[in-house]
C-alpha cells in the first residue's frame, strides 16, 4: 500500500523532528484504521510503534 509507505515516511520525519509522541499517536490511529482491511500495513505501523515507544516519555 503506497499510502501506508508515505504515512510511515512522514511519521519517521515527525519523530526525527522531536515529535515521537505525536508520531506514535498518529501511527496508532493508522493501525486501527487498517487493522481489518490491510494486515500488512497494520504490521508495519505496529513495528513502527514498538520501535518508537522508547522515544516517548
PDB file of N, CA and C in Angstrom:
ATOM      1  N   UNK A   1       0.856  -1.181   0.000  1.00  0.00           N
ATOM      2  CA  UNK A   1       0.000   0.000   0.000  1.00  0.00           C
ATOM      3  C   UNK A   1       0.894   1.234   0.000  1.00  0.00           C
ATOM      4  N   UNK A   2       0.862   1.962  -1.055  1.00  0.00           N
ATOM      5  CA  UNK A   2       1.719   3.142  -1.189  1.00  0.00           C
ATOM      6  C   UNK A   2       1.381   4.230  -0.187  1.00  0.00           C
ATOM      7  N   UNK A   3       0.119   4.371   0.116  1.00  0.00           N
ATOM      8  CA  UNK A   3      -0.277   5.399   1.074  1.00  0.00           C
ATOM      9  C   UNK A   3       0.332   5.116   2.443  1.00  0.00           C
ATOM     10  N   UNK A   4       0.375   3.857   2.837  1.00  0.00           N
ATOM     11  CA  UNK A   4       0.997   3.493   4.113  1.00  0.00           C
ATOM     12  C   UNK A   4       2.482   3.843   4.102  1.00  0.00           C
ATOM     13  N   UNK A   5       3.149   3.625   2.983  1.00  0.00           N
ATOM     14  CA  UNK A   5       4.568   3.971   2.870  1.00  0.00           C
ATOM     15  C   UNK A   5       4.784   5.471   3.042  1.00  0.00           C
ATOM     16  N   UNK A   6       3.929   6.256   2.432  1.00  0.00           N
ATOM     17  CA  UNK A   6       4.024   7.714   2.552  1.00  0.00           C
ATOM     18  C   UNK A   6       3.792   8.134   4.004  1.00  0.00           C
ATOM     19  N   UNK A   7       2.771   7.564   4.626  1.00  0.00           N
ATOM     20  CA  UNK A   7       2.469   7.910   6.009  1.00  0.00           C
ATOM     21  C   UNK A   7       3.605   7.490   6.932  1.00  0.00           C
ATOM     22  N   UNK A   8       4.154   6.296   6.744  1.00  0.00           N
ATOM     23  CA  UNK A   8       5.264   5.850   7.586  1.00  0.00           C
ATOM     24  C   UNK A   8       6.481   6.760   7.429  1.00  0.00           C
ATOM     25  N   UNK A   9       6.763   7.172   6.220  1.00  0.00           N
ATOM     26  CA  UNK A   9       7.869   8.095   5.985  1.00  0.00           C
ATOM     27  C   UNK A   9       7.627   9.420   6.702  1.00  0.00           C
ATOM     28  N   UNK A  10       6.395   9.897   6.651  1.00  0.00           N
ATOM     29  CA  UNK A  10       6.044  11.141   7.332  1.00  0.00           C
ATOM     30  C   UNK A  10       6.156  10.993   8.849  1.00  0.00           C
ATOM     31  N   UNK A  11       5.749   9.841   9.358  1.00  0.00           N
ATOM     32  CA  UNK A  11       5.851   9.592  10.793  1.00  0.00           C
ATOM     33  C   UNK A  11       7.305   9.530  11.243  1.00  0.00           C
ATOM     34  N   UNK A  12       8.158   8.928  10.433  1.00  0.00           N
ATOM     35  CA  UNK A  12       9.595   8.884  10.728  1.00  0.00           C
ATOM     36  C   UNK A  12      10.163  10.304  10.803  1.00  0.00           C
ATOM     37  N   UNK A  13       9.775  11.141   9.857  1.00  0.00           N
ATOM     38  CA  UNK A  13      10.250  12.526   9.825  1.00  0.00           C
ATOM     39  C   UNK A  13       9.751  13.285  11.049  1.00  0.00           C
ATOM     40  N   UNK A  14       8.509  13.085  11.405  1.00  0.00           N
ATOM     41  CA  UNK A  14       7.933  13.731  12.583  1.00  0.00           C
ATOM     42  C   UNK A  14       8.685  13.312  13.848  1.00  0.00           C
ATOM     43  N   UNK A  15       8.947  12.036  13.986  1.00  0.00           N
ATOM     44  CA  UNK A  15       9.688  11.535  15.154  1.00  0.00           C
ATOM     45  C   UNK A  15      11.107  12.096  15.192  1.00  0.00           C
ATOM     46  N   UNK A  16      11.763  12.156  14.045  1.00  0.00           N
ATOM     47  CA  UNK A  16      13.127  12.681  13.971  1.00  0.00           C
ATOM     48  C   UNK A  16      13.179  14.160  14.330  1.00  0.00           C
ATOM     49  N   UNK A  17      12.055  14.844  14.164  1.00  0.00           N
ATOM     50  CA  UNK A  17      11.977  16.272  14.493  1.00  0.00           C
ATOM     51  C   UNK A  17      11.642  16.490  15.964  1.00  0.00           C
ATOM     52  N   UNK A  18      11.684  15.411  16.748  1.00  0.00           N
ATOM     53  CA  UNK A  18      11.434  15.544  18.177  1.00  0.00           C
ATOM     54  C   UNK A  18       9.979  15.374  18.579  1.00  0.00           C
ATOM     55  N   UNK A  19       9.167  14.892  17.683  1.00  0.00           N
ATOM     56  CA  UNK A  19       7.733  14.725  17.947  1.00  0.00           C
ATOM     57  C   UNK A  19       7.343  13.250  17.944  1.00  0.00           C
ATOM     58  N   UNK A  20       8.114  12.436  18.684  1.00  0.00           N
ATOM     59  CA  UNK A  20       7.871  10.997  18.711  1.00  0.00           C
ATOM     60  C   UNK A  20       6.489  10.663  19.269  1.00  0.00           C
ATOM     61  N   UNK A  21       6.058  11.399  20.271  1.00  0.00           N
ATOM     62  CA  UNK A  21       4.735  11.111  20.851  1.00  0.00           C
ATOM     63  C   UNK A  21       3.627  11.358  19.836  1.00  0.00           C
ATOM     64  N   UNK A  22       3.707  12.456  19.119  1.00  0.00           N
ATOM     65  CA  UNK A  22       2.704  12.742  18.089  1.00  0.00           C
ATOM     66  C   UNK A  22       2.753  11.684  16.988  1.00  0.00           C
ATOM     67  N   UNK A  23       3.952  11.271  16.615  1.00  0.00           N
ATOM     68  CA  UNK A  23       4.099  10.239  15.585  1.00  0.00           C
ATOM     69  C   UNK A  23       3.474   8.927  16.058  1.00  0.00           C
ATOM     70  N   UNK A  24       3.666   8.576  17.316  1.00  0.00           N
ATOM     71  CA  UNK A  24       3.085   7.343  17.862  1.00  0.00           C
ATOM     72  C   UNK A  24       1.569   7.415  17.911  1.00  0.00           C
ATOM     73  N   UNK A  25       1.041   8.562  18.295  1.00  0.00           N
ATOM     74  CA  UNK A  25      -0.419   8.703  18.340  1.00  0.00           C
ATOM     75  C   UNK A  25      -1.018   8.532  16.944  1.00  0.00           C
ATOM     76  N   UNK A  26      -0.393   9.144  15.952  1.00  0.00           N
ATOM     77  CA  UNK A  26      -0.885   9.024  14.579  1.00  0.00           C
ATOM     78  C   UNK A  26      -0.717   7.597  14.056  1.00  0.00           C
ATOM     79  N   UNK A  27       0.387   6.962  14.385  1.00  0.00           N
ATOM     80  CA  UNK A  27       0.603   5.580  13.958  1.00  0.00           C
ATOM     81  C   UNK A  27      -0.434   4.656  14.594  1.00  0.00           C
ATOM     82  N   UNK A  28      -0.785   4.926  15.837  1.00  0.00           N
ATOM     83  CA  UNK A  28      -1.829   4.141  16.494  1.00  0.00           C
ATOM     84  C   UNK A  28      -3.169   4.285  15.795  1.00  0.00           C
ATOM     85  N   UNK A  29      -3.475   5.482  15.381  1.00  0.00           N
ATOM     86  CA  UNK A  29      -4.729   5.711  14.656  1.00  0.00           C
ATOM     87  C   UNK A  29      -4.705   5.000  13.307  1.00  0.00           C
ATOM     88  N   UNK A  30      -3.542   5.046  12.633  1.00  0.00           N
ATOM     89  CA  UNK A  30      -3.406   4.354  11.348  1.00  0.00           C
ATOM     90  C   UNK A  30      -3.545   2.847  11.539  1.00  0.00           C
ATOM     91  N   UNK A  31      -2.937   2.330  12.606  1.00  0.00           N
ATOM     92  CA  UNK A  31      -3.038   0.898  12.934  1.00  0.00           C
ATOM     93  C   UNK A  31      -4.501   0.489  13.043  1.00  0.00           C
ATOM     94  N   UNK A  32      -5.238   1.254  13.794  1.00  0.00           N
ATOM     95  CA  UNK A  32      -6.651   0.943  14.000  1.00  0.00           C
ATOM     96  C   UNK A  32      -7.436   1.025  12.688  1.00  0.00           C
ATOM     97  N   UNK A  33      -7.075   1.978  11.842  1.00  0.00           N
ATOM     98  CA  UNK A  33      -7.810   2.184  10.596  1.00  0.00           C
ATOM     99  C   UNK A  33      -7.610   1.042   9.594  1.00  0.00           C
ATOM    100  N   UNK A  34      -6.433   0.427   9.590  1.00  0.00           N
ATOM    101  CA  UNK A  34      -6.140  -0.599   8.577  1.00  0.00           C
ATOM    102  C   UNK A  34      -6.146  -2.021   9.127  1.00  0.00           C
ATOM    103  N   UNK A  35      -6.408  -2.157  10.399  1.00  0.00           N
ATOM    104  CA  UNK A  35      -6.294  -3.472  11.055  1.00  0.00           C
ATOM    105  C   UNK A  35      -7.038  -4.583  10.316  1.00  0.00           C
ATOM    106  N   UNK A  36      -8.267  -4.358   9.954  1.00  0.00           N
ATOM    107  CA  UNK A  36      -9.079  -5.390   9.291  1.00  0.00           C
ATOM    108  C   UNK A  36      -8.849  -5.443   7.782  1.00  0.00           C
ATOM    109  N   UNK A  37      -8.645  -4.301   7.173  1.00  0.00           N
ATOM    110  CA  UNK A  37      -8.586  -4.252   5.707  1.00  0.00           C
ATOM    111  C   UNK A  37      -7.210  -4.510   5.111  1.00  0.00           C
ATOM    112  N   UNK A  38      -6.144  -4.267   5.901  1.00  0.00           N
ATOM    113  CA  UNK A  38      -4.797  -4.412   5.342  1.00  0.00           C
ATOM    114  C   UNK A  38      -3.827  -4.879   6.431  1.00  0.00           C
ATOM    115  N   UNK A  39      -3.782  -6.174   6.675  1.00  0.00           N
ATOM    116  CA  UNK A  39      -2.916  -6.697   7.736  1.00  0.00           C
ATOM    117  C   UNK A  39      -1.432  -6.382   7.538  1.00  0.00           C
ATOM    118  N   UNK A  40      -0.981  -6.309   6.306  1.00  0.00           N
ATOM    119  CA  UNK A  40       0.435  -5.997   6.052  1.00  0.00           C
ATOM    120  C   UNK A  40       0.755  -4.571   6.490  1.00  0.00           C
ATOM    121  N   UNK A  41      -0.110  -3.634   6.167  1.00  0.00           N
ATOM    122  CA  UNK A  41       0.097  -2.248   6.588  1.00  0.00           C
ATOM    123  C   UNK A  41      -0.016  -2.151   8.108  1.00  0.00           C
ATOM    124  N   UNK A  42      -0.981  -2.890   8.685  1.00  0.00           N
ATOM    125  CA  UNK A  42      -1.122  -2.904  10.140  1.00  0.00           C
ATOM    126  C   UNK A  42       0.185  -3.342  10.784  1.00  0.00           C
ATOM    127  N   UNK A  43       0.812  -4.373  10.248  1.00  0.00           N
ATOM    128  CA  UNK A  43       2.064  -4.879  10.807  1.00  0.00           C
ATOM    129  C   UNK A  43       3.164  -3.822  10.739  1.00  0.00           C
ATOM    130  N   UNK A  44       3.241  -3.097   9.649  1.00  0.00           N
ATOM    131  CA  UNK A  44       4.272  -2.061   9.506  1.00  0.00           C
ATOM    132  C   UNK A  44       4.070  -0.936  10.506  1.00  0.00           C
ATOM    133  N   UNK A  45       2.836  -0.516  10.717  1.00  0.00           N
ATOM    134  CA  UNK A  45       2.562   0.521  11.714  1.00  0.00           C
ATOM    135  C   UNK A  45       2.851   0.007  13.125  1.00  0.00           C
ATOM    136  N   UNK A  46       2.531  -1.246  13.364  1.00  0.00           N
ATOM    137  CA  UNK A  46       2.781  -1.852  14.661  1.00  0.00           C
ATOM    138  C   UNK A  46       4.284  -1.902  14.952  1.00  0.00           C
ATOM    139  N   UNK A  47       5.073  -2.281  13.967  1.00  0.00           N
ATOM    140  CA  UNK A  47       6.533  -2.300  14.124  1.00  0.00           C
ATOM    141  C   UNK A  47       7.045  -0.891  14.417  1.00  0.00           C
ATOM    142  N   UNK A  48       6.528   0.089  13.701  1.00  0.00           N
ATOM    143  CA  UNK A  48       6.917   1.480  13.944  1.00  0.00           C
ATOM    144  C   UNK A  48       6.628   1.861  15.391  1.00  0.00           C
ATOM    145  N   UNK A  49       5.440   1.529  15.869  1.00  0.00           N
ATOM    146  CA  UNK A  49       5.070   1.869  17.244  1.00  0.00           C
ATOM    147  C   UNK A  49       6.010   1.227  18.254  1.00  0.00           C
ATOM    148  N   UNK A  50       6.333  -0.031  18.069  1.00  0.00           N
ATOM    149  CA  UNK A  50       7.224  -0.708  19.003  1.00  0.00           C
ATOM    150  C   UNK A  50       8.636  -0.115  18.968  1.00  0.00           C
ATOM    151  N   UNK A  51       9.052   0.322  17.812  1.00  0.00           N
ATOM    152  CA  UNK A  51      10.384   0.932  17.682  1.00  0.00           C
ATOM    153  C   UNK A  51      10.419   2.328  18.299  1.00  0.00           C
ATOM    154  N   UNK A  52       9.337   3.064  18.185  1.00  0.00           N
ATOM    155  CA  UNK A  52       9.310   4.454  18.624  1.00  0.00           C
ATOM    156  C   UNK A  52       8.974   4.628  20.100  1.00  0.00           C
ATOM    157  N   UNK A  53       8.325   3.648  20.698  1.00  0.00           N
ATOM    158  CA  UNK A  53       7.828   3.829  22.068  1.00  0.00           C
ATOM    159  C   UNK A  53       8.949   4.174  23.043  1.00  0.00           C
ATOM    160  N   UNK A  54      10.158   3.728  22.774  1.00  0.00           N
ATOM    161  CA  UNK A  54      11.271   4.036  23.670  1.00  0.00           C
ATOM    162  C   UNK A  54      11.664   5.511  23.620  1.00  0.00           C
ATOM    163  N   UNK A  55      11.164   6.234  22.618  1.00  0.00           N
ATOM    164  CA  UNK A  55      11.472   7.656  22.477  1.00  0.00           C
ATOM    165  C   UNK A  55      10.398   8.562  23.088  1.00  0.00           C
ATOM    166  N   UNK A  56       9.369   7.941  23.647  1.00  0.00           N
ATOM    167  CA  UNK A  56       8.264   8.695  24.241  1.00  0.00           C
ATOM    168  C   UNK A  56       8.437   8.684  25.749  1.00  0.00           C
ATOM    169  N   UNK A  57       8.327   9.852  26.347  1.00  0.00           N
ATOM    170  CA  UNK A  57       8.496   9.930  27.811  1.00  0.00           C
ATOM    171  C   UNK A  57       7.182   9.841  28.539  1.00  0.00           C
TER     172      UNK A  57
END
